[in-house]
């Protein structure tokens, strides 16, 4: 049982846990001597020679001994679209819907963080095509509705079997429908049915071409998808998306398999860096703090 499963079992409420997680994360940032990610500074910029001293935030100066200028409302507002891959492979490990549950919860945390910063946000689901797609708003009612949708999709069992992921087609379609100059946050295991990384990268470039900033979380289960942590005996593996079966002794292929996975991930990371696309590997066996930290780094870059 991973960290998220333990907390959900203890608390039993998706929305409450998301808010508790974000509030605890922010409290930790305020206590830290490193203020680079601090939410309060997303609404400020550091004073530069020539800036009017009339707009200095003296309360912030009293706390930090540094001069910050309060930004105007039009400078701080951001539009963010969270894209969630809901294809069959995201419901692995099947005993706890691991990847989809982690991703939907992380998306809920980011949505709550966006609302706290008075930014507008929306959520879209995709598998073979674009499914649910919300409006982009910043109200509490909108946030509550999205909490419900994200929890519902994470709890589905068996309904998404054999739904293949066409990351490329969905992202191309969404690139045209999303409001220009948005931050696009993607949660996906990058298991596209085309099996061509170049196609996925071209779809991400479509977003960049349309003036969007892109942050992609490559979601995976390190225990079984990277380390092949299975019993040392012949095991039959079934492709959740295609139904294809293969019998393997994982210990015999573990090193070669891991090397292939690491090479593939490294290639995606390098290509994304070339095009200024933020790529983050997200292990579902870890907490969502890395997700929130990566989001705030991206958000502050855009300020």
Foldseek 3Di string as FASTA:
>chain_A
DFPVVVVCVVVVALLVVLVVVLVVLQVVCVPDPDVLLHLVCLQKAFDDPPDDPVQWDVVVCVVPVGTIGGHDPVQREAEEEEEEELAQVCCPVVVQSQNLLQSLSLVLNVLVSCLVSVYWYWYWYDFPETDDTDDTGNDPVRSVVSSVVSVVSSPDHPPRFQRHHALLVHLQVVLVVDDAAHEYEYEELPPHPVPDVVSNLVSVVSNVVSNYAAAYENEDACCCQQQVPDDQDWDWDADRNHRDIDTDRCVVCRVVNNVVVVVVVVVSCVSCVVVNHHYHYHHSNDHSSVVSSVVSSVSSVSD
